[in-house]
C-alpha cells in the first residue's frame, strides 16, 4: 500500500443504534454527527468517529467469551469512580475481571465488553 490509511470510524453492530449511541455519547462526551433509523455516528466529521449499526436479530457477545471481536479501551483518571458512573448509565460489571486490577472490564447495555484504564 503506497499511502497509509487512517481510521475514519469504528462501527459497533447492535440492535438499537440510537440507544447505544446515547450511552457512548455520555461515556465520551461526543455529540451525534449523523443519525438515521439504522446508523448513528458520534464525533466530528473528519475525525475518528464511533458508529453504531443496526443488525436484525442482533445478540451481543457474552463475557468472558472468545467470540468477542473487539473491545474499546477507555482512558480515565479514576477507574473506580468512572466505573460507578457508567454503571449508573447502564453499564454492567461482570464478575470475571482479568488483569489483577490493572483495569476494569464493563459491558455496555447490549453486552459489548470495554475496559477502563488510567493508561499508565
N, C-alpha and C. Protein backbone atom coordinates (compact mmCIF):
# COMPACT_ATOMS: atom_id res chain seq x y z
N UNK A 1 0.85 -1.17 0.00
CA UNK A 1 0.00 0.00 0.00
C UNK A 1 0.90 1.24 0.00
N UNK A 2 0.68 2.15 -0.92
CA UNK A 2 1.54 3.31 -1.04
C UNK A 2 1.18 4.44 -0.08
N UNK A 3 -0.05 4.46 0.37
CA UNK A 3 -0.49 5.51 1.28
C UNK A 3 -1.01 4.87 2.56
N UNK A 4 -0.59 5.38 3.70
CA UNK A 4 -1.07 4.86 4.98
C UNK A 4 -2.54 5.23 5.15
N UNK A 5 -3.33 4.28 5.61
CA UNK A 5 -4.75 4.52 5.85
C UNK A 5 -4.95 5.13 7.22
N UNK A 6 -5.99 5.92 7.36
CA UNK A 6 -6.36 6.43 8.67
C UNK A 6 -7.71 5.83 9.05
N UNK A 7 -7.98 5.75 10.33
CA UNK A 7 -9.23 5.18 10.81
C UNK A 7 -10.29 6.28 10.77
N UNK A 8 -11.35 6.06 9.99
CA UNK A 8 -12.44 7.02 9.90
C UNK A 8 -13.47 6.81 10.99
N UNK A 9 -13.77 5.54 11.26
CA UNK A 9 -14.77 5.21 12.28
C UNK A 9 -14.59 3.77 12.73
N UNK A 10 -14.98 3.52 13.96
CA UNK A 10 -15.12 2.17 14.48
C UNK A 10 -16.62 1.95 14.57
N UNK A 11 -17.13 0.92 13.89
CA UNK A 11 -18.57 0.66 13.83
C UNK A 11 -18.90 -0.52 14.73
N UNK A 12 -19.89 -0.34 15.59
CA UNK A 12 -20.32 -1.38 16.52
C UNK A 12 -21.70 -1.88 16.09
N UNK A 13 -21.79 -3.17 15.81
CA UNK A 13 -23.07 -3.78 15.48
C UNK A 13 -23.94 -3.83 16.72
N UNK A 14 -25.25 -3.61 16.56
CA UNK A 14 -26.14 -3.59 17.71
C UNK A 14 -27.60 -3.71 17.28
N UNK A 15 -28.48 -3.85 18.24
CA UNK A 15 -29.92 -3.93 17.98
C UNK A 15 -30.56 -2.55 17.94
N UNK A 16 -30.07 -1.61 18.76
CA UNK A 16 -30.68 -0.28 18.88
C UNK A 16 -29.60 0.79 18.80
N UNK A 17 -29.27 1.25 17.58
CA UNK A 17 -28.19 2.22 17.43
C UNK A 17 -28.38 3.51 18.22
N UNK A 18 -29.59 4.03 18.26
CA UNK A 18 -29.83 5.30 18.96
C UNK A 18 -29.55 5.15 20.46
N UNK A 19 -30.04 4.07 21.05
CA UNK A 19 -29.84 3.87 22.49
C UNK A 19 -28.37 3.64 22.82
N UNK A 20 -27.69 2.84 22.02
CA UNK A 20 -26.28 2.57 22.31
C UNK A 20 -25.44 3.82 22.07
N UNK A 21 -25.77 4.60 21.05
CA UNK A 21 -25.06 5.86 20.81
C UNK A 21 -25.28 6.83 21.96
N UNK A 22 -26.48 6.85 22.51
CA UNK A 22 -26.75 7.72 23.66
C UNK A 22 -25.85 7.33 24.84
N UNK A 23 -25.73 6.02 25.10
CA UNK A 23 -24.87 5.54 26.17
C UNK A 23 -23.43 5.99 25.94
N UNK A 24 -22.87 5.71 24.75
CA UNK A 24 -21.48 6.06 24.48
C UNK A 24 -21.28 7.56 24.36
N UNK A 25 -22.30 8.30 23.97
CA UNK A 25 -22.21 9.76 23.99
C UNK A 25 -21.99 10.27 25.40
N UNK A 26 -22.68 9.67 26.36
CA UNK A 26 -22.47 10.04 27.77
C UNK A 26 -21.08 9.63 28.23
N UNK A 27 -20.61 8.47 27.77
CA UNK A 27 -19.29 7.97 28.17
C UNK A 27 -18.19 8.88 27.65
N UNK A 28 -18.27 9.27 26.38
CA UNK A 28 -17.19 10.00 25.73
C UNK A 28 -17.37 11.51 25.70
N UNK A 29 -18.61 11.98 25.85
CA UNK A 29 -18.90 13.40 25.68
C UNK A 29 -19.04 13.80 24.22
N UNK A 30 -18.94 12.82 23.30
CA UNK A 30 -19.06 13.11 21.87
C UNK A 30 -20.52 13.31 21.50
N UNK A 31 -20.76 14.19 20.58
CA UNK A 31 -22.10 14.51 20.10
C UNK A 31 -22.42 13.71 18.84
N UNK A 32 -23.71 13.53 18.57
CA UNK A 32 -24.15 12.84 17.35
C UNK A 32 -23.82 13.70 16.14
N UNK A 33 -23.10 13.09 15.19
CA UNK A 33 -22.75 13.79 13.96
C UNK A 33 -23.69 13.42 12.82
N UNK A 34 -24.21 12.21 12.85
CA UNK A 34 -25.15 11.74 11.84
C UNK A 34 -26.04 10.69 12.47
N UNK A 35 -27.31 10.68 12.06
CA UNK A 35 -28.23 9.67 12.58
C UNK A 35 -29.34 9.41 11.57
N UNK A 36 -29.64 8.14 11.36
CA UNK A 36 -30.86 7.73 10.68
C UNK A 36 -31.40 6.52 11.43
N UNK A 37 -32.36 5.84 10.88
CA UNK A 37 -33.00 4.73 11.60
C UNK A 37 -32.04 3.58 11.90
N UNK A 38 -31.05 3.38 11.04
CA UNK A 38 -30.17 2.22 11.17
C UNK A 38 -28.72 2.54 11.54
N UNK A 39 -28.34 3.81 11.52
CA UNK A 39 -26.96 4.19 11.80
C UNK A 39 -26.93 5.45 12.66
N UNK A 40 -25.96 5.48 13.58
CA UNK A 40 -25.67 6.70 14.33
C UNK A 40 -24.15 6.81 14.42
N UNK A 41 -23.64 8.02 14.17
CA UNK A 41 -22.22 8.29 14.31
C UNK A 41 -22.01 9.35 15.37
N UNK A 42 -21.07 9.10 16.26
CA UNK A 42 -20.66 10.08 17.27
C UNK A 42 -19.32 10.68 16.85
N UNK A 43 -19.15 11.95 17.10
CA UNK A 43 -17.89 12.61 16.81
C UNK A 43 -17.99 13.52 15.61
N UNK A 44 -16.95 14.29 15.42
CA UNK A 44 -16.91 15.27 14.35
C UNK A 44 -16.47 14.65 13.04
N UNK A 45 -17.10 15.09 11.94
CA UNK A 45 -16.70 14.64 10.61
C UNK A 45 -15.25 15.02 10.39
N UNK A 46 -14.48 14.12 9.82
CA UNK A 46 -13.06 14.36 9.60
C UNK A 46 -12.18 13.82 10.71
N UNK A 47 -12.79 13.59 11.88
CA UNK A 47 -12.06 12.97 13.00
C UNK A 47 -12.51 11.52 13.10
N UNK A 48 -11.80 10.72 13.86
CA UNK A 48 -12.24 9.35 14.07
C UNK A 48 -13.58 9.37 14.79
N UNK A 49 -14.55 8.62 14.25
CA UNK A 49 -15.88 8.58 14.81
C UNK A 49 -16.18 7.19 15.37
N UNK A 50 -17.18 7.13 16.22
CA UNK A 50 -17.69 5.88 16.76
C UNK A 50 -19.08 5.72 16.18
N UNK A 51 -19.31 4.61 15.47
CA UNK A 51 -20.58 4.40 14.80
C UNK A 51 -21.32 3.19 15.35
N UNK A 52 -22.62 3.19 15.17
CA UNK A 52 -23.49 2.12 15.66
C UNK A 52 -24.42 1.74 14.53
N UNK A 53 -24.45 0.45 14.20
CA UNK A 53 -25.17 -0.05 13.04
C UNK A 53 -26.18 -1.10 13.48
N UNK A 54 -27.45 -0.89 13.09
CA UNK A 54 -28.50 -1.85 13.42
C UNK A 54 -28.28 -3.15 12.63
N UNK A 55 -28.35 -4.26 13.34
CA UNK A 55 -28.28 -5.60 12.75
C UNK A 55 -29.53 -6.34 13.20
N UNK A 56 -30.29 -6.85 12.23
CA UNK A 56 -31.52 -7.59 12.56
C UNK A 56 -31.18 -8.79 13.43
N UNK A 57 -31.96 -9.01 14.48
CA UNK A 57 -31.80 -10.14 15.39
C UNK A 57 -30.44 -10.17 16.08
N UNK A 58 -29.83 -9.01 16.28
CA UNK A 58 -28.52 -8.94 16.90
C UNK A 58 -28.56 -9.47 18.33
N UNK A 59 -27.54 -10.24 18.69
CA UNK A 59 -27.34 -10.70 20.06
C UNK A 59 -25.91 -10.36 20.45
N UNK A 60 -25.77 -9.63 21.52
CA UNK A 60 -24.44 -9.21 21.96
C UNK A 60 -23.59 -10.38 22.43
N UNK A 61 -22.27 -10.17 22.51
CA UNK A 61 -21.36 -11.22 22.97
C UNK A 61 -21.51 -11.44 24.46
N UNK A 62 -21.11 -12.59 24.92
CA UNK A 62 -21.05 -12.84 26.35
C UNK A 62 -19.69 -12.43 26.88
N UNK A 63 -19.54 -12.46 28.18
CA UNK A 63 -18.23 -12.18 28.78
C UNK A 63 -18.05 -13.06 29.99
N UNK A 64 -16.96 -13.78 30.11
CA UNK A 64 -15.91 -13.90 29.09
C UNK A 64 -16.36 -14.84 27.98
N UNK A 65 -15.99 -14.51 26.79
CA UNK A 65 -16.39 -15.30 25.63
C UNK A 65 -15.41 -15.03 24.51
N UNK A 66 -14.82 -16.06 23.98
CA UNK A 66 -13.83 -15.91 22.92
C UNK A 66 -14.44 -15.38 21.63
N UNK A 67 -15.79 -15.31 21.54
CA UNK A 67 -16.42 -14.83 20.31
C UNK A 67 -16.38 -13.31 20.18
N UNK A 68 -16.02 -12.58 21.22
CA UNK A 68 -15.97 -11.12 21.06
C UNK A 68 -14.93 -10.79 19.99
N UNK A 69 -15.20 -9.79 19.18
CA UNK A 69 -14.31 -9.47 18.09
C UNK A 69 -13.45 -8.24 18.35
N UNK A 70 -13.85 -7.44 19.30
CA UNK A 70 -13.11 -6.23 19.63
C UNK A 70 -13.56 -5.78 21.01
N UNK A 71 -12.83 -4.84 21.57
CA UNK A 71 -13.33 -4.11 22.72
C UNK A 71 -12.67 -2.74 22.72
N UNK A 72 -13.35 -1.77 23.29
CA UNK A 72 -12.79 -0.44 23.43
C UNK A 72 -12.03 -0.35 24.74
N UNK A 73 -10.93 0.37 24.72
CA UNK A 73 -10.19 0.66 25.94
C UNK A 73 -10.33 2.16 26.17
N UNK A 74 -11.01 2.52 27.24
CA UNK A 74 -11.29 3.92 27.55
C UNK A 74 -10.37 4.38 28.68
N UNK A 75 -9.71 5.50 28.48
CA UNK A 75 -8.75 6.02 29.45
C UNK A 75 -9.45 7.07 30.31
N UNK A 76 -9.38 6.88 31.62
CA UNK A 76 -10.00 7.78 32.60
C UNK A 76 -8.97 8.08 33.68
N UNK A 77 -9.24 9.09 34.51
CA UNK A 77 -8.29 9.41 35.58
C UNK A 77 -8.53 8.57 36.83
N UNK A 78 -9.77 8.17 37.09
CA UNK A 78 -10.11 7.38 38.27
C UNK A 78 -11.02 6.23 37.83
N UNK A 79 -10.44 5.05 37.72
CA UNK A 79 -11.16 3.89 37.18
C UNK A 79 -12.39 3.55 38.00
N UNK A 80 -12.29 3.47 39.30
CA UNK A 80 -13.42 3.06 40.13
C UNK A 80 -14.56 4.08 40.11
N UNK A 81 -14.21 5.34 40.14
CA UNK A 81 -15.23 6.38 40.06
C UNK A 81 -15.93 6.36 38.70
N UNK A 82 -15.16 6.23 37.64
CA UNK A 82 -15.74 6.15 36.30
C UNK A 82 -16.61 4.91 36.16
N UNK A 83 -16.16 3.78 36.70
CA UNK A 83 -16.95 2.55 36.63
C UNK A 83 -18.30 2.74 37.32
N UNK A 84 -18.29 3.35 38.49
CA UNK A 84 -19.54 3.59 39.22
C UNK A 84 -20.48 4.49 38.41
N UNK A 85 -19.93 5.54 37.81
CA UNK A 85 -20.74 6.44 36.98
C UNK A 85 -21.34 5.70 35.78
N UNK A 86 -20.54 4.87 35.13
CA UNK A 86 -21.01 4.16 33.94
C UNK A 86 -22.05 3.10 34.28
N UNK A 87 -21.92 2.48 35.43
CA UNK A 87 -22.93 1.52 35.87
C UNK A 87 -24.26 2.24 36.09
N UNK A 88 -24.21 3.45 36.62
CA UNK A 88 -25.44 4.24 36.76
C UNK A 88 -26.05 4.59 35.40
N UNK A 89 -25.22 4.66 34.35
CA UNK A 89 -25.69 4.99 33.00
C UNK A 89 -26.16 3.76 32.23
N UNK A 90 -26.01 2.56 32.81
CA UNK A 90 -26.50 1.35 32.14
C UNK A 90 -25.47 0.29 31.87
N UNK A 91 -24.20 0.54 32.19
CA UNK A 91 -23.17 -0.49 32.03
C UNK A 91 -23.32 -1.54 33.13
N UNK A 92 -22.68 -2.67 32.94
CA UNK A 92 -22.66 -3.72 33.96
C UNK A 92 -21.20 -4.10 34.23
N UNK A 93 -20.96 -4.58 35.45
CA UNK A 93 -19.62 -5.02 35.83
C UNK A 93 -19.66 -6.53 36.03
N UNK A 94 -19.13 -7.28 35.04
CA UNK A 94 -19.14 -8.74 35.17
C UNK A 94 -18.28 -9.22 36.34
N UNK A 95 -18.59 -10.39 36.83
CA UNK A 95 -17.80 -10.97 37.91
C UNK A 95 -16.37 -11.25 37.48
N UNK A 96 -16.20 -11.76 36.24
CA UNK A 96 -14.87 -12.11 35.75
C UNK A 96 -14.11 -10.84 35.41
N UNK A 97 -13.01 -10.58 36.13
CA UNK A 97 -12.19 -9.39 35.96
C UNK A 97 -10.72 -9.79 35.84
N UNK A 98 -10.23 -9.99 34.62
CA UNK A 98 -8.81 -10.33 34.46
C UNK A 98 -7.93 -9.10 34.69
N UNK A 99 -6.64 -9.29 34.69
CA UNK A 99 -5.71 -8.16 34.74
C UNK A 99 -5.22 -7.78 36.11
N UNK A 100 -5.59 -8.51 37.15
CA UNK A 100 -5.11 -8.25 38.50
C UNK A 100 -5.27 -6.79 38.92
N UNK A 101 -6.39 -6.17 38.55
CA UNK A 101 -6.69 -4.81 38.98
C UNK A 101 -6.07 -3.71 38.13
N UNK A 102 -5.36 -4.07 37.04
CA UNK A 102 -4.75 -3.06 36.18
C UNK A 102 -5.81 -2.29 35.38
N UNK A 103 -6.98 -2.87 35.23
CA UNK A 103 -8.09 -2.25 34.51
C UNK A 103 -9.38 -2.89 34.98
N UNK A 104 -10.51 -2.30 34.61
CA UNK A 104 -11.82 -2.85 34.94
C UNK A 104 -12.55 -3.13 33.64
N UNK A 105 -13.15 -4.31 33.54
CA UNK A 105 -13.97 -4.67 32.40
C UNK A 105 -15.43 -4.37 32.75
N UNK A 106 -16.10 -3.62 31.87
CA UNK A 106 -17.54 -3.39 31.97
C UNK A 106 -18.17 -3.87 30.67
N UNK A 107 -19.48 -4.00 30.66
CA UNK A 107 -20.19 -4.28 29.42
C UNK A 107 -21.22 -3.17 29.22
N UNK A 108 -21.42 -2.79 27.95
CA UNK A 108 -22.39 -1.75 27.64
C UNK A 108 -23.80 -2.34 27.69
N UNK A 109 -24.84 -1.54 27.49
CA UNK A 109 -26.20 -2.05 27.61
C UNK A 109 -26.57 -3.20 26.66
N UNK A 110 -25.78 -3.40 25.59
CA UNK A 110 -26.04 -4.53 24.68
C UNK A 110 -25.05 -5.67 24.87
N UNK A 111 -24.19 -5.58 25.88
CA UNK A 111 -23.30 -6.68 26.21
C UNK A 111 -21.88 -6.60 25.67
N UNK A 112 -21.54 -5.54 24.90
CA UNK A 112 -20.18 -5.41 24.40
C UNK A 112 -19.23 -5.08 25.55
N UNK A 113 -18.16 -5.86 25.72
CA UNK A 113 -17.20 -5.53 26.77
C UNK A 113 -16.36 -4.33 26.41
N UNK A 114 -15.97 -3.55 27.40
CA UNK A 114 -14.99 -2.48 27.22
C UNK A 114 -14.21 -2.35 28.52
N UNK A 115 -13.03 -1.78 28.42
CA UNK A 115 -12.15 -1.66 29.58
C UNK A 115 -11.98 -0.21 29.98
N UNK A 116 -11.84 0.01 31.26
CA UNK A 116 -11.46 1.31 31.81
C UNK A 116 -10.04 1.18 32.37
N UNK A 117 -9.20 2.11 32.02
CA UNK A 117 -7.82 2.11 32.48
C UNK A 117 -7.36 3.55 32.66
N UNK A 118 -6.30 3.72 33.43
CA UNK A 118 -5.71 5.06 33.56
C UNK A 118 -4.68 5.30 32.47
N UNK A 119 -4.42 4.28 31.66
CA UNK A 119 -3.47 4.43 30.57
C UNK A 119 -2.02 4.33 31.01
N UNK A 120 -1.81 4.12 32.27
CA UNK A 120 -0.42 4.06 32.75
C UNK A 120 -0.12 2.74 33.21
